[in-house]
Protein backbone atom coordinates (compact mmCIF):
# COMPACT_ATOMS: atom_id res chain seq x y z
CA MET A 1 88.17 178.78 31.51
CA GLY A 2 86.23 176.43 30.00
CA LEU A 3 87.56 173.79 32.77
CA ASP A 4 86.61 176.12 35.30
CA ALA A 5 83.28 176.39 33.83
CA LEU A 6 83.17 172.73 34.01
CA GLY A 7 84.24 172.59 37.73
CA GLY A 8 81.81 175.18 38.80
CA CYS A 9 79.05 172.96 37.06
CA TYR A 10 80.61 169.63 39.14
CA LEU A 11 80.39 171.89 42.21
CA ALA A 12 76.52 172.87 41.76
CA TYR A 13 75.67 169.05 40.93
CA ASP A 14 77.17 168.03 44.17
CA LEU A 15 76.29 170.85 46.47
CA LEU A 16 72.15 170.97 44.84
CA GLY A 17 71.60 167.29 44.09
CA GLY A 18 74.31 165.46 46.39
CA LYS A 19 72.87 163.14 49.60
CA ARG A 20 72.48 166.09 51.59
CA GLY A 21 71.86 168.89 48.88
CA PRO A 22 68.42 171.12 49.25
CA LEU A 23 67.00 169.43 46.08
CA ARG A 24 66.30 166.36 47.87
CA THR A 25 64.81 167.75 50.73
CA ILE A 26 62.42 170.03 48.27
CA ALA A 27 61.73 166.67 46.49
CA ARG A 28 61.12 164.99 50.00
CA ALA A 29 58.72 167.71 51.20
CA THR A 30 57.07 168.26 47.93
CA GLY A 31 55.94 163.93 48.15
CA TYR A 32 55.20 164.52 51.61
CA VAL A 33 52.78 167.75 51.19
CA ALA A 34 50.97 165.90 48.30
CA LEU A 35 50.42 162.60 50.74
CA PHE A 36 48.83 164.67 53.51
CA PHE A 37 47.09 166.69 51.20
CA ILE A 38 44.84 163.56 49.92
CA GLY A 39 44.76 162.57 53.48
CA TYR A 40 43.55 165.95 54.82
CA VAL A 41 41.05 167.17 52.04
CA LEU A 42 38.95 163.46 52.22
CA VAL A 43 37.96 164.41 55.91
CA LEU A 44 38.22 168.07 56.33
CA GLY A 45 37.75 169.73 52.75
CA LEU A 46 40.34 172.08 50.84
CA ARG A 47 40.82 174.89 53.07
CA TYR A 48 42.13 172.83 55.73
CA ALA A 49 43.88 170.37 54.04
CA THR A 50 45.78 173.35 51.83
CA VAL A 51 47.35 175.01 55.26
CA ALA A 52 47.79 171.66 57.18
CA ALA A 53 49.55 169.74 54.11
CA SER A 54 51.68 172.63 53.09
CA GLY A 55 53.17 172.75 56.97
CA MET A 56 53.06 169.16 57.69
CA GLY A 57 55.02 168.07 54.74
CA ILE A 58 57.41 170.80 54.55
CA LEU A 59 58.22 170.04 58.53
CA LEU A 60 58.25 166.24 57.74
CA GLY A 61 60.60 166.63 54.82
CA ILE A 62 63.22 168.58 56.85
CA GLU A 63 62.69 166.25 59.93
CA PHE A 64 64.00 163.24 58.08
CA ARG A 65 66.79 165.68 56.12
CA ILE A 66 67.83 166.21 60.04
CA ALA A 67 67.44 162.57 61.10
CA GLY A 68 69.96 161.35 58.20
CA ILE A 69 72.78 163.35 60.12
CA ASN A 70 72.45 161.10 63.13
CA PRO A 71 72.25 163.80 65.66
CA SER A 72 73.20 163.16 69.51
CA HIS A 73 70.38 162.17 72.07
CA GLY A 74 70.35 165.43 73.69
CA GLU A 75 69.81 167.05 69.99
CA GLN A 76 67.30 164.82 69.38
CA HIS A 77 64.95 165.53 72.63
CA ARG A 78 65.48 169.32 71.19
CA THR A 79 64.33 168.52 68.16
CA LEU A 80 61.34 166.42 69.00
CA VAL A 81 60.23 169.79 71.24
CA LEU A 82 60.69 172.16 68.28
CA PHE A 83 58.85 170.06 65.72
CA GLY A 84 56.01 169.10 67.80
CA PHE A 85 55.59 172.95 68.46
CA LEU A 86 55.68 173.68 64.91
CA ARG A 87 53.43 170.96 64.06
CA GLY A 88 50.82 172.33 66.68
CA LEU A 89 51.31 175.94 65.12
CA VAL A 90 50.27 174.41 61.61
CA LEU A 91 47.09 172.51 62.81
CA GLY A 92 46.49 175.81 64.91
CA LEU A 93 46.60 177.95 61.71
CA ALA A 94 44.86 175.14 59.68
CA GLY A 95 42.09 174.95 62.20
CA ILE A 96 41.36 179.07 61.84
CA THR A 97 40.50 178.41 58.54
CA VAL A 98 37.33 175.98 59.52
CA ALA A 99 36.52 177.37 62.94
CA GLY A 100 37.70 180.88 63.91
CA PRO A 101 41.17 182.42 65.65
CA LEU A 102 39.98 181.15 69.22
CA PHE A 103 39.51 177.62 68.41
CA GLY A 104 42.90 177.80 66.13
CA ALA A 105 44.70 179.20 69.06
CA VAL A 106 43.87 176.61 71.34
CA PHE A 107 44.00 174.00 69.02
CA GLY A 108 47.28 174.58 68.10
CA LEU A 109 48.87 175.04 71.49
CA LEU A 110 47.31 171.55 72.68
CA SER A 111 47.82 169.67 69.26
CA GLY A 112 51.65 170.78 69.99
CA ALA A 113 51.61 169.69 73.51
CA GLY A 114 49.96 166.32 72.85
CA LEU A 115 52.18 165.46 69.51
CA THR A 116 55.31 166.33 71.60
CA ILE A 117 54.60 164.39 74.67
CA SER A 118 53.94 161.14 72.30
CA TYR A 119 57.03 161.89 70.27
CA LEU A 120 59.18 161.96 73.40
CA LEU A 121 57.28 158.51 74.41
CA GLY A 122 58.71 156.93 71.20
CA PHE A 123 56.33 157.92 68.29
CA ALA A 124 58.26 160.46 66.33
CA PRO A 125 58.09 160.06 62.60
CA THR A 126 62.03 159.73 62.33
CA GLN A 127 61.85 156.76 64.58
CA ASP A 128 59.76 155.11 61.88
CA TYR A 129 62.00 156.32 59.28
CA GLU A 130 62.49 153.29 56.75
CA ALA A 131 63.91 153.68 52.71
CA GLU A 132 62.45 150.67 51.13
CA SER A 133 61.63 149.91 47.49
CA LYS A 134 57.82 149.30 48.54
CA PRO A 135 55.00 150.90 50.44
CA HIS A 136 54.75 148.64 53.87
CA ILE A 137 53.05 149.85 57.35
CA SER A 138 54.31 148.37 60.85
CA GLY A 139 52.95 147.82 63.94
CA HIS A 140 54.72 150.82 65.61
CA LYS A 141 53.56 152.88 62.58
CA MET A 142 49.87 152.07 63.67
CA LEU A 143 50.29 152.62 67.33
CA ALA A 144 51.98 156.07 66.39
CA SER A 145 49.14 156.93 64.31
CA LEU A 146 46.72 156.07 66.97
CA TRP A 147 48.75 157.99 69.48
CA ARG A 148 48.53 161.07 67.33
CA ALA A 149 44.90 160.53 66.34
CA VAL A 150 44.03 160.73 70.61
CA ALA A 151 46.20 163.63 71.01
CA VAL A 152 44.82 165.81 68.23
CA GLY A 153 41.24 164.69 68.78
CA ILE A 154 41.41 165.50 72.48
CA ALA A 155 42.95 169.11 71.54
CA GLY A 156 40.16 169.65 68.83
CA ILE A 157 37.34 168.44 71.34
CA VAL A 158 38.67 170.82 74.02
CA ALA A 159 38.93 173.58 71.76
CA GLY A 160 35.39 173.26 70.24
CA LEU A 161 34.15 173.16 73.71
CA LEU A 162 35.44 176.18 74.77
CA ASN A 163 34.69 177.88 71.90
CA ALA A 164 31.42 177.17 72.13
CA PRO A 165 30.35 173.94 74.65
CA ARG A 166 27.50 172.05 72.10
CA THR A 167 27.56 168.24 71.14
CA TYR A 168 28.95 169.66 67.61
CA TRP A 169 32.49 170.47 68.75
CA ILE A 170 32.90 167.16 70.05
CA LEU A 171 32.00 165.23 66.91
CA PHE A 172 34.49 167.82 65.40
CA GLY A 173 37.04 166.88 67.71
CA LEU A 174 36.79 163.28 66.78
CA LYS A 175 36.39 164.39 63.16
CA LEU A 176 40.01 165.95 63.38
CA GLY A 177 41.19 163.13 64.91
CA LEU A 178 40.24 160.75 62.27
CA ALA A 179 41.84 163.02 60.23
CA ALA A 180 45.46 163.15 62.10
CA GLY A 181 45.13 159.11 62.24
CA THR A 182 44.19 158.72 58.46
CA VAL A 183 46.71 161.07 57.26
CA ASN A 184 49.46 159.67 59.25
CA ALA A 185 48.79 155.94 58.56
CA LEU A 186 48.75 157.22 54.77
CA VAL A 187 52.26 158.70 54.88
CA GLY A 188 53.39 155.71 57.01
CA LEU A 189 52.28 153.51 54.50
CA PHE A 190 53.95 155.33 51.46
CA SER A 191 57.20 157.10 53.30
CA PRO A 192 59.55 154.02 52.71
CA ALA A 193 59.03 153.85 49.09
CA LEU A 194 59.24 157.64 48.79
CA GLU A 195 62.52 157.97 50.97
CA GLY A 196 64.00 155.26 48.91
CA TRP A 197 63.45 156.91 45.57
CA ILE A 198 64.60 160.19 46.72
CA GLU A 199 67.85 158.77 48.00
CA ASN A 200 68.28 156.81 44.96
CA LEU A 201 67.57 160.09 42.69
CA PRO A 202 70.78 160.47 40.62
CA GLU A 203 73.09 163.49 41.64
CA ARG A 204 73.77 165.07 38.40
CA ARG A 205 69.93 164.67 37.65
CA LEU A 206 68.98 166.66 40.69
CA GLY A 207 71.99 169.04 40.27
CA VAL A 208 70.61 169.62 36.24
CA ALA A 209 67.75 170.70 37.49
CA GLY A 210 69.09 172.89 40.41
CA LEU A 211 71.00 174.73 37.85
CA GLY A 212 67.59 175.01 35.89
CA LEU A 213 65.65 176.68 38.49
CA ILE A 214 68.68 178.96 39.39
CA PHE A 215 68.52 180.23 35.74
CA VAL A 216 64.69 180.46 35.70
CA GLY A 217 65.16 182.43 38.96
CA MET A 218 67.57 184.75 37.11
CA ILE A 219 65.56 185.42 34.31
CA LEU A 220 62.20 186.05 36.35
CA GLN A 221 64.44 188.33 38.56
CA SER A 222 65.75 190.38 35.34
CA ILE A 223 61.99 191.00 33.99
CA GLN A 224 61.79 194.04 35.87
CA TYR A 225 64.89 195.64 34.29
CA TRP A 226 64.00 194.81 30.53
CA ILE A 227 60.50 196.60 30.83
CA VAL A 228 62.22 199.81 32.30
CA VAL A 229 64.47 199.41 29.08
CA PHE A 230 61.88 198.61 26.83
CA GLU A 231 59.77 201.48 28.42
CA LEU A 232 62.81 203.82 27.94
CA SER A 233 63.32 202.45 24.58
CA ALA A 234 59.86 203.56 23.70
CA GLN A 235 59.80 206.90 24.87
């Protein structure tokens, strides 16, 4: 019985904290959410940063996880289109928080189209994937940041002018593009070090953390039943 329990623990270590375990993806996404948030909040404020950073960080964490499986060329193109669309959706939802539903819908649609095109042209985040010990930036990453800034900036200007044709919206669109370029450069700078740290985390440490999270979840789920028991006992 003890050996079975020990074997179950080792299995949990492997499934949760292994190279392809979910905890590495969660840790990776958490790091990217923080990086995106820092970049967005400096330029566009708390509400936009909260929505955009949460969505963008999670998507990038998942995308880098998928990139590790080395999909075929056809699968890569489908993945690029999917993630370009999803990023547009995230930016649209973030845009709603600062400029309303009409702006958010147009901004999200145009941003998704622009980002997808830039990814298919060779500027997807996964094409700059690195796992190194120190932060660094490359010329290709800077060019990719520029392309994304242009795509998001144009989407913001067009969405703003359709919403209300005023000079303010041109400046706001440029501000959105500046935020996109700043955030992408920030993520590109620190992603190699973050990826290197994630890939070198001990499997058993992640496995123990995963078991702890499962245990906490079980306790939280059982609270409702304990409340019922205590209420019945008190009657």
